[in-house]
């Protein structure tokens, strides 16, 4: 069951939905006026205007109903799969996916820094020291994501 907003309409029905309804009403009025004038005048030009306004009404109807359908499908996907729940909080699936991406990025940083250490070992101690510091920071941050630690991220310079 869908909840109702303060205006009595379904919650989530925004300005664009009302504009689509208003536009549909205007197009319908234009078509009906064209039919009335064409019937009164009974000439070919009037009926051509009716046919053109009917075409525009059909095109407008198709666009409005297609967009509404697409918006409903997108909203249901966001709510149902990995989107947001009733209070707007991220669903566990979305949180897990974001955490996995962050961890993957952390591991890539560590791999790059290992290559830096190997390349500069014995040649540039400053570069090796910064790479080791980056590995330490990245590892700490990754572990805190995994454990749910409240320590927060470690500060420092990241060398790529």
N, C-alpha and C. Protein backbone atom coordinates (compact mmCIF):
# COMPACT_ATOMS: atom_id res chain seq x y z
N UNK A 1 0.83 -1.17 0.00
CA UNK A 1 0.00 0.00 0.00
C UNK A 1 0.88 1.24 0.00
N UNK A 2 0.55 2.22 -0.84
CA UNK A 2 1.38 3.40 -0.97
C UNK A 2 0.88 4.49 -0.03
N UNK A 3 1.82 5.14 0.66
CA UNK A 3 1.42 6.18 1.60
C UNK A 3 1.08 7.46 0.85
N UNK A 4 0.22 8.27 1.48
CA UNK A 4 -0.21 9.51 0.86
C UNK A 4 0.55 10.67 1.47
N UNK A 5 0.86 11.65 0.62
CA UNK A 5 1.54 12.85 1.08
C UNK A 5 0.55 13.81 1.72
N UNK A 6 1.03 15.00 2.08
CA UNK A 6 0.18 15.99 2.74
C UNK A 6 -0.90 16.53 1.80
N UNK A 7 -0.68 16.42 0.48
CA UNK A 7 -1.67 16.91 -0.47
C UNK A 7 -2.67 15.84 -0.89
N UNK A 8 -2.61 14.66 -0.28
CA UNK A 8 -3.56 13.58 -0.59
C UNK A 8 -3.15 12.74 -1.78
N UNK A 9 -2.05 13.07 -2.40
CA UNK A 9 -1.57 12.30 -3.54
C UNK A 9 -0.55 11.28 -3.05
N UNK A 10 -0.26 10.26 -3.87
CA UNK A 10 0.74 9.28 -3.44
C UNK A 10 2.08 9.95 -3.16
N UNK A 11 2.74 9.52 -2.09
CA UNK A 11 4.04 10.07 -1.74
C UNK A 11 5.02 9.80 -2.87
N UNK A 12 5.84 10.79 -3.18
CA UNK A 12 6.82 10.63 -4.24
C UNK A 12 6.36 11.17 -5.57
N UNK A 13 5.13 11.58 -5.67
CA UNK A 13 4.63 12.15 -6.91
C UNK A 13 5.02 13.61 -6.94
N UNK A 14 5.97 13.94 -7.78
CA UNK A 14 6.55 15.27 -7.78
C UNK A 14 5.91 16.22 -8.77
N UNK A 15 6.58 17.33 -8.94
CA UNK A 15 6.11 18.40 -9.82
C UNK A 15 6.02 17.91 -11.26
N UNK A 16 6.95 17.10 -11.71
CA UNK A 16 6.93 16.65 -13.10
C UNK A 16 5.70 15.81 -13.41
N UNK A 17 5.24 15.03 -12.44
CA UNK A 17 4.04 14.21 -12.66
C UNK A 17 2.81 15.11 -12.81
N UNK A 18 2.74 16.15 -11.98
CA UNK A 18 1.60 17.07 -12.09
C UNK A 18 1.65 17.85 -13.39
N UNK A 19 2.87 18.21 -13.81
CA UNK A 19 3.02 18.93 -15.08
C UNK A 19 2.61 18.05 -16.25
N UNK A 20 2.93 16.76 -16.17
CA UNK A 20 2.52 15.84 -17.22
C UNK A 20 1.00 15.74 -17.30
N UNK A 21 0.36 15.70 -16.15
CA UNK A 21 -1.11 15.65 -16.13
C UNK A 21 -1.71 16.94 -16.67
N UNK A 22 -1.14 18.07 -16.29
CA UNK A 22 -1.64 19.36 -16.79
C UNK A 22 -1.42 19.47 -18.30
N UNK A 23 -0.26 19.04 -18.75
CA UNK A 23 0.03 19.08 -20.19
C UNK A 23 -0.91 18.17 -20.97
N UNK A 24 -1.21 17.02 -20.39
CA UNK A 24 -2.14 16.09 -21.04
C UNK A 24 -3.53 16.73 -21.14
N UNK A 25 -3.96 17.40 -20.11
CA UNK A 25 -5.27 18.06 -20.12
C UNK A 25 -5.30 19.17 -21.17
N UNK A 26 -4.23 19.94 -21.28
CA UNK A 26 -4.17 21.00 -22.27
C UNK A 26 -4.22 20.44 -23.68
N UNK A 27 -3.45 19.38 -23.93
CA UNK A 27 -3.46 18.77 -25.27
C UNK A 27 -4.84 18.21 -25.61
N UNK A 28 -5.53 17.65 -24.63
CA UNK A 28 -6.87 17.12 -24.86
C UNK A 28 -7.86 18.25 -25.18
N UNK A 29 -7.74 19.36 -24.48
CA UNK A 29 -8.61 20.52 -24.74
C UNK A 29 -8.34 21.06 -26.15
N UNK A 30 -7.08 21.16 -26.54
CA UNK A 30 -6.74 21.64 -27.88
C UNK A 30 -7.36 20.72 -28.94
N UNK A 31 -7.26 19.42 -28.73
CA UNK A 31 -7.85 18.48 -29.68
C UNK A 31 -9.36 18.64 -29.76
N UNK A 32 -10.01 18.74 -28.61
CA UNK A 32 -11.48 18.87 -28.61
C UNK A 32 -11.93 20.18 -29.25
N UNK A 33 -11.22 21.27 -29.00
CA UNK A 33 -11.54 22.55 -29.62
C UNK A 33 -11.38 22.44 -31.14
N UNK A 34 -10.31 21.78 -31.57
CA UNK A 34 -10.09 21.61 -33.01
C UNK A 34 -11.22 20.80 -33.63
N UNK A 35 -11.70 19.76 -32.94
CA UNK A 35 -12.80 18.94 -33.46
C UNK A 35 -14.07 19.77 -33.56
N UNK A 36 -14.35 20.57 -32.53
CA UNK A 36 -15.57 21.39 -32.54
C UNK A 36 -15.52 22.40 -33.68
N UNK A 37 -14.39 23.10 -33.83
CA UNK A 37 -14.28 24.08 -34.91
C UNK A 37 -14.35 23.42 -36.28
N UNK A 38 -13.72 22.26 -36.42
CA UNK A 38 -13.75 21.56 -37.70
C UNK A 38 -15.15 21.10 -38.03
N UNK A 39 -15.89 20.65 -37.03
CA UNK A 39 -17.27 20.19 -37.27
C UNK A 39 -18.16 21.37 -37.64
N UNK A 40 -17.94 22.53 -37.01
CA UNK A 40 -18.75 23.71 -37.32
C UNK A 40 -18.42 24.28 -38.70
N UNK A 41 -17.14 24.33 -39.04
CA UNK A 41 -16.73 24.90 -40.31
C UNK A 41 -16.92 23.90 -41.46
N UNK A 42 -16.71 22.62 -41.16
CA UNK A 42 -16.82 21.54 -42.12
C UNK A 42 -15.99 21.81 -43.37
N UNK A 43 -14.71 22.16 -43.16
CA UNK A 43 -13.82 22.32 -44.30
C UNK A 43 -12.58 21.46 -44.10
N UNK A 44 -11.83 21.28 -45.16
CA UNK A 44 -10.68 20.37 -45.15
C UNK A 44 -9.59 20.87 -44.22
N UNK A 45 -9.34 22.15 -44.19
CA UNK A 45 -8.28 22.71 -43.33
C UNK A 45 -8.58 22.43 -41.86
N UNK A 46 -9.82 22.56 -41.45
CA UNK A 46 -10.19 22.29 -40.07
C UNK A 46 -9.93 20.84 -39.68
N UNK A 47 -10.26 19.92 -40.60
CA UNK A 47 -10.03 18.51 -40.31
C UNK A 47 -8.54 18.18 -40.33
N UNK A 48 -7.76 18.89 -41.14
CA UNK A 48 -6.30 18.70 -41.10
C UNK A 48 -5.74 19.13 -39.74
N UNK A 49 -6.27 20.23 -39.21
CA UNK A 49 -5.85 20.69 -37.89
C UNK A 49 -6.22 19.65 -36.83
N UNK A 50 -7.39 19.02 -36.97
CA UNK A 50 -7.81 17.96 -36.04
C UNK A 50 -6.83 16.80 -36.09
N UNK A 51 -6.47 16.39 -37.30
CA UNK A 51 -5.55 15.25 -37.46
C UNK A 51 -4.18 15.59 -36.86
N UNK A 52 -3.70 16.81 -37.10
CA UNK A 52 -2.41 17.22 -36.54
C UNK A 52 -2.46 17.27 -35.01
N UNK A 53 -3.54 17.85 -34.48
CA UNK A 53 -3.64 17.93 -33.01
C UNK A 53 -3.80 16.54 -32.39
N UNK A 54 -4.49 15.63 -33.09
CA UNK A 54 -4.59 14.25 -32.61
C UNK A 54 -3.21 13.59 -32.59
N UNK A 55 -2.43 13.83 -33.63
CA UNK A 55 -1.07 13.28 -33.66
C UNK A 55 -0.22 13.77 -32.51
N UNK A 56 -0.29 15.08 -32.24
CA UNK A 56 0.46 15.64 -31.13
C UNK A 56 -0.04 15.10 -29.79
N UNK A 57 -1.33 14.92 -29.67
CA UNK A 57 -1.88 14.36 -28.44
C UNK A 57 -1.37 12.94 -28.23
N UNK A 58 -1.33 12.15 -29.29
CA UNK A 58 -0.84 10.77 -29.18
C UNK A 58 0.65 10.74 -28.84
N UNK A 59 1.44 11.60 -29.48
CA UNK A 59 2.88 11.65 -29.18
C UNK A 59 3.10 12.08 -27.73
N UNK A 60 2.39 13.11 -27.31
CA UNK A 60 2.53 13.59 -25.93
C UNK A 60 2.12 12.51 -24.94
N UNK A 61 1.03 11.81 -25.23
CA UNK A 61 0.56 10.74 -24.34
C UNK A 61 1.60 9.63 -24.24
N UNK A 62 2.17 9.25 -25.38
CA UNK A 62 3.19 8.21 -25.38
C UNK A 62 4.39 8.62 -24.53
N UNK A 63 4.86 9.85 -24.69
CA UNK A 63 6.01 10.32 -23.92
C UNK A 63 5.70 10.36 -22.43
N UNK A 64 4.56 10.92 -22.07
CA UNK A 64 4.21 11.04 -20.65
C UNK A 64 4.08 9.66 -20.00
N UNK A 65 3.36 8.75 -20.65
CA UNK A 65 3.17 7.44 -20.04
C UNK A 65 4.46 6.61 -20.03
N UNK A 66 5.31 6.78 -21.04
CA UNK A 66 6.60 6.08 -21.05
C UNK A 66 7.48 6.57 -19.93
N UNK A 67 7.53 7.89 -19.75
CA UNK A 67 8.36 8.43 -18.67
C UNK A 67 7.84 8.03 -17.30
N UNK A 68 6.53 8.04 -17.12
CA UNK A 68 5.97 7.62 -15.83
C UNK A 68 6.30 6.16 -15.54
N UNK A 69 6.16 5.33 -16.57
CA UNK A 69 6.45 3.90 -16.40
C UNK A 69 7.93 3.69 -16.06
N UNK A 70 8.79 4.39 -16.78
CA UNK A 70 10.23 4.26 -16.52
C UNK A 70 10.58 4.76 -15.11
N UNK A 71 9.95 5.84 -14.68
CA UNK A 71 10.22 6.37 -13.35
C UNK A 71 9.76 5.40 -12.27
N UNK A 72 8.61 4.77 -12.47
CA UNK A 72 8.12 3.79 -11.48
C UNK A 72 9.06 2.58 -11.41
N UNK A 73 9.51 2.10 -12.58
CA UNK A 73 10.42 0.96 -12.59
C UNK A 73 11.73 1.30 -11.92
N UNK A 74 12.26 2.48 -12.20
CA UNK A 74 13.52 2.89 -11.58
C UNK A 74 13.36 3.02 -10.07
N UNK A 75 12.26 3.59 -9.63
CA UNK A 75 12.02 3.74 -8.19
C UNK A 75 11.89 2.39 -7.51
N UNK A 76 11.22 1.45 -8.15
CA UNK A 76 11.07 0.13 -7.54
C UNK A 76 12.41 -0.61 -7.50
N UNK A 77 13.24 -0.42 -8.50
CA UNK A 77 14.57 -1.04 -8.48
C UNK A 77 15.42 -0.47 -7.37
N UNK A 78 15.36 0.86 -7.21
CA UNK A 78 16.15 1.48 -6.15
C UNK A 78 15.69 1.01 -4.78
N UNK A 79 14.39 0.88 -4.59
CA UNK A 79 13.89 0.43 -3.29
C UNK A 79 14.14 -1.04 -3.07
N UNK A 80 13.96 -1.85 -4.11
CA UNK A 80 13.99 -3.29 -3.93
C UNK A 80 15.35 -3.91 -3.88
N UNK A 81 16.26 -3.53 -4.77
CA UNK A 81 17.51 -4.28 -4.89
C UNK A 81 18.59 -3.74 -3.96
N UNK A 82 19.32 -2.77 -4.45
CA UNK A 82 20.45 -2.29 -3.67
C UNK A 82 20.34 -0.81 -3.40
N UNK A 83 19.16 -0.29 -3.44
CA UNK A 83 18.99 1.15 -3.33
C UNK A 83 18.77 1.59 -1.91
N UNK A 84 17.70 2.30 -1.68
CA UNK A 84 17.46 2.88 -0.38
C UNK A 84 16.16 2.37 0.18
N UNK A 85 16.14 2.21 1.47
CA UNK A 85 14.97 1.69 2.15
C UNK A 85 13.95 2.78 2.42
N UNK A 86 13.04 2.47 3.30
CA UNK A 86 11.92 3.36 3.57
C UNK A 86 12.37 4.69 4.16
N UNK A 87 13.34 4.67 5.07
CA UNK A 87 13.79 5.92 5.68
C UNK A 87 14.92 6.56 4.90
N UNK A 88 15.25 6.08 3.72
CA UNK A 88 16.31 6.67 2.92
C UNK A 88 17.69 6.18 3.31
N UNK A 89 17.76 5.13 4.13
CA UNK A 89 19.05 4.59 4.52
C UNK A 89 19.48 3.57 3.48
N UNK A 90 20.77 3.50 3.25
CA UNK A 90 21.28 2.57 2.26
C UNK A 90 21.02 1.14 2.71
N UNK A 91 20.61 0.31 1.77
CA UNK A 91 20.35 -1.09 2.06
C UNK A 91 21.68 -1.80 2.29
N UNK A 92 21.68 -2.91 3.02
CA UNK A 92 22.93 -3.61 3.30
C UNK A 92 23.69 -4.03 2.05
N UNK A 93 22.99 -4.37 0.99
CA UNK A 93 23.65 -4.80 -0.24
C UNK A 93 24.47 -3.65 -0.82
N UNK A 94 23.93 -2.45 -0.81
CA UNK A 94 24.64 -1.28 -1.35
C UNK A 94 25.85 -0.95 -0.48
N UNK A 95 25.70 -1.06 0.83
CA UNK A 95 26.81 -0.78 1.75
C UNK A 95 27.92 -1.79 1.54
N UNK A 96 27.57 -3.07 1.42
CA UNK A 96 28.58 -4.11 1.19
C UNK A 96 29.31 -3.88 -0.12
N UNK A 97 28.59 -3.51 -1.17
CA UNK A 97 29.20 -3.28 -2.48
C UNK A 97 30.16 -2.10 -2.41
N UNK A 98 29.76 -1.02 -1.76
CA UNK A 98 30.64 0.15 -1.64
C UNK A 98 31.88 -0.20 -0.83
N UNK A 99 31.71 -0.94 0.26
CA UNK A 99 32.85 -1.34 1.07
C UNK A 99 33.80 -2.23 0.27
N UNK A 100 33.25 -3.17 -0.50
CA UNK A 100 34.08 -4.05 -1.32
C UNK A 100 34.88 -3.26 -2.35
N UNK A 101 34.27 -2.25 -2.95
CA UNK A 101 34.99 -1.42 -3.92
C UNK A 101 36.11 -0.64 -3.25
N UNK A 102 35.85 -0.12 -2.04
CA UNK A 102 36.89 0.63 -1.31
C UNK A 102 38.04 -0.30 -0.93
N UNK A 103 37.70 -1.51 -0.48
CA UNK A 103 38.75 -2.46 -0.12
C UNK A 103 39.57 -2.86 -1.34
N UNK A 104 38.91 -3.08 -2.46
CA UNK A 104 39.62 -3.41 -3.70
C UNK A 104 40.58 -2.30 -4.07
N UNK A 105 40.13 -1.06 -3.95
CA UNK A 105 41.00 0.08 -4.25
C UNK A 105 42.19 0.13 -3.29
N UNK A 106 41.94 -0.17 -2.03
CA UNK A 106 43.04 -0.18 -1.05
C UNK A 106 44.08 -1.23 -1.41
N UNK A 107 43.63 -2.41 -1.81
CA UNK A 107 44.58 -3.46 -2.18
C UNK A 107 45.37 -3.08 -3.43
N UNK A 108 44.75 -2.39 -4.35
CA UNK A 108 45.47 -1.92 -5.54
C UNK A 108 46.54 -0.91 -5.15
N UNK A 109 46.24 -0.03 -4.22
CA UNK A 109 47.22 0.95 -3.74
C UNK A 109 48.41 0.24 -3.12
N UNK A 110 48.13 -0.77 -2.30
CA UNK A 110 49.22 -1.53 -1.66
C UNK A 110 50.08 -2.20 -2.72
N UNK A 111 49.46 -2.78 -3.74
CA UNK A 111 50.23 -3.44 -4.80
C UNK A 111 51.13 -2.45 -5.54
N UNK A 112 50.61 -1.26 -5.82
CA UNK A 112 51.43 -0.24 -6.50
C UNK A 112 52.59 0.17 -5.61
N UNK A 113 52.34 0.36 -4.33
CA UNK A 113 53.40 0.80 -3.43
C UNK A 113 54.46 -0.27 -3.23
N UNK A 114 54.08 -1.54 -3.28
CA UNK A 114 55.07 -2.63 -3.22
C UNK A 114 56.01 -2.52 -4.42
N UNK A 115 55.44 -2.21 -5.58
CA UNK A 115 56.28 -2.02 -6.77
C UNK A 115 57.22 -0.83 -6.60
N UNK A 116 56.74 0.24 -5.95
CA UNK A 116 57.60 1.41 -5.71
C UNK A 116 58.74 1.02 -4.78
N UNK A 117 58.44 0.26 -3.73
CA UNK A 117 59.48 -0.16 -2.80
C UNK A 117 60.53 -0.99 -3.53
N UNK A 118 60.09 -1.93 -4.34
CA UNK A 118 61.04 -2.78 -5.07
C UNK A 118 61.91 -1.95 -6.02
N UNK A 119 61.29 -0.96 -6.68
CA UNK A 119 62.03 -0.15 -7.66
C UNK A 119 63.06 0.76 -7.00
N UNK A 120 62.71 1.36 -5.86
CA UNK A 120 63.58 2.35 -5.25
C UNK A 120 64.38 1.84 -4.05
N UNK A 121 64.28 0.56 -3.70
CA UNK A 121 65.00 0.00 -2.56
C UNK A 121 66.50 0.10 -2.81
N UNK A 122 67.18 0.77 -1.90
CA UNK A 122 68.62 0.94 -2.00
C UNK A 122 69.02 2.14 -2.85
N UNK A 123 68.09 2.78 -3.54
CA UNK A 123 68.42 3.94 -4.39
C UNK A 123 67.89 5.24 -3.82
N UNK A 124 66.64 5.22 -3.30
CA UNK A 124 66.02 6.45 -2.79
C UNK A 124 65.24 6.09 -1.53
N UNK A 125 65.90 6.26 -0.38
CA UNK A 125 65.29 5.87 0.89
C UNK A 125 64.04 6.71 1.21
N UNK A 126 64.01 7.97 0.79
CA UNK A 126 62.84 8.82 1.03
C UNK A 126 61.61 8.28 0.31
N UNK A 127 61.81 7.86 -0.93
CA UNK A 127 60.70 7.31 -1.71
C UNK A 127 60.21 6.00 -1.09
N UNK A 128 61.14 5.17 -0.65
CA UNK A 128 60.78 3.90 -0.02
C UNK A 128 60.03 4.16 1.28
N UNK A 129 60.48 5.12 2.06
CA UNK A 129 59.83 5.45 3.33
C UNK A 129 58.39 5.95 3.09
N UNK A 130 58.20 6.81 2.08
CA UNK A 130 56.85 7.30 1.78
C UNK A 130 55.95 6.16 1.29
N UNK A 131 56.49 5.26 0.49
CA UNK A 131 55.70 4.13 0.01
C UNK A 131 55.29 3.22 1.17
N UNK A 132 56.21 2.97 2.09
CA UNK A 132 55.89 2.15 3.25
C UNK A 132 54.84 2.84 4.13
N UNK A 133 54.93 4.16 4.27
CA UNK A 133 53.94 4.90 5.04
C UNK A 133 52.56 4.80 4.35
N UNK A 134 52.55 4.89 3.04
CA UNK A 134 51.29 4.77 2.29
C UNK A 134 50.69 3.38 2.49
N UNK A 135 51.53 2.35 2.45
CA UNK A 135 51.04 0.98 2.68
C UNK A 135 50.46 0.87 4.08
N UNK A 136 51.13 1.45 5.06
CA UNK A 136 50.65 1.39 6.44
C UNK A 136 49.30 2.09 6.59
N UNK A 137 49.18 3.28 6.02
CA UNK A 137 47.93 4.04 6.11
C UNK A 137 46.80 3.28 5.42
N UNK A 138 47.08 2.80 4.20
CA UNK A 138 46.05 2.10 3.42
C UNK A 138 45.60 0.82 4.14
N UNK A 139 46.56 0.10 4.70
CA UNK A 139 46.22 -1.14 5.41
C UNK A 139 45.38 -0.84 6.64
N UNK A 140 45.74 0.19 7.39
CA UNK A 140 44.96 0.55 8.57
C UNK A 140 43.53 0.92 8.18
N UNK A 141 43.39 1.73 7.12
CA UNK A 141 42.05 2.13 6.68
C UNK A 141 41.23 0.93 6.21
N UNK A 142 41.86 0.02 5.49
CA UNK A 142 41.15 -1.17 5.00
C UNK A 142 40.72 -2.05 6.16
N UNK A 143 41.58 -2.23 7.14
CA UNK A 143 41.22 -3.04 8.31
C UNK A 143 40.09 -2.40 9.09
N UNK A 144 40.09 -1.08 9.19
CA UNK A 144 39.01 -0.42 9.93
C UNK A 144 37.68 -0.57 9.19
N UNK A 145 37.71 -0.64 7.85
CA UNK A 145 36.47 -0.88 7.10
C UNK A 145 35.96 -2.30 7.36
N UNK A 146 36.87 -3.23 7.49
CA UNK A 146 36.48 -4.63 7.68
C UNK A 146 35.97 -4.88 9.09
N UNK A 147 36.61 -4.30 10.09
CA UNK A 147 36.24 -4.54 11.48
C UNK A 147 35.13 -3.62 11.96
N UNK A 148 34.87 -2.55 11.24
CA UNK A 148 33.88 -1.59 11.72
C UNK A 148 34.44 -0.74 12.84
N UNK A 149 35.75 -0.51 12.82
CA UNK A 149 36.43 0.25 13.86
C UNK A 149 35.96 1.70 13.85
N UNK A 150 35.99 2.32 15.02
CA UNK A 150 35.62 3.73 15.13
C UNK A 150 36.83 4.64 15.20
N UNK A 151 38.03 4.08 14.94
CA UNK A 151 39.25 4.89 15.02
C UNK A 151 39.31 5.96 13.95
N UNK A 152 38.72 5.73 12.81
CA UNK A 152 38.79 6.69 11.70
C UNK A 152 40.04 6.46 10.88
N UNK A 153 40.14 7.12 9.75
CA UNK A 153 41.28 6.91 8.88
C UNK A 153 42.56 7.52 9.44
N UNK A 154 43.69 6.96 9.01
CA UNK A 154 44.99 7.45 9.42
C UNK A 154 45.36 8.58 8.46
N UNK A 155 45.96 9.62 9.01
CA UNK A 155 46.39 10.77 8.21
C UNK A 155 47.79 10.52 7.69
N UNK A 156 48.13 11.10 6.52
CA UNK A 156 49.48 11.00 5.98
C UNK A 156 49.48 11.29 4.50
N UNK A 157 50.65 11.16 3.89
CA UNK A 157 50.83 11.42 2.47
C UNK A 157 50.75 10.11 1.71
N UNK A 158 49.92 10.08 0.66
CA UNK A 158 49.80 8.90 -0.17
C UNK A 158 50.62 9.12 -1.42
N UNK A 159 51.51 8.17 -1.72
CA UNK A 159 52.39 8.28 -2.88
C UNK A 159 51.92 7.27 -3.91
N UNK A 160 51.65 7.73 -5.11
CA UNK A 160 51.26 6.81 -6.20
C UNK A 160 52.42 6.54 -7.12
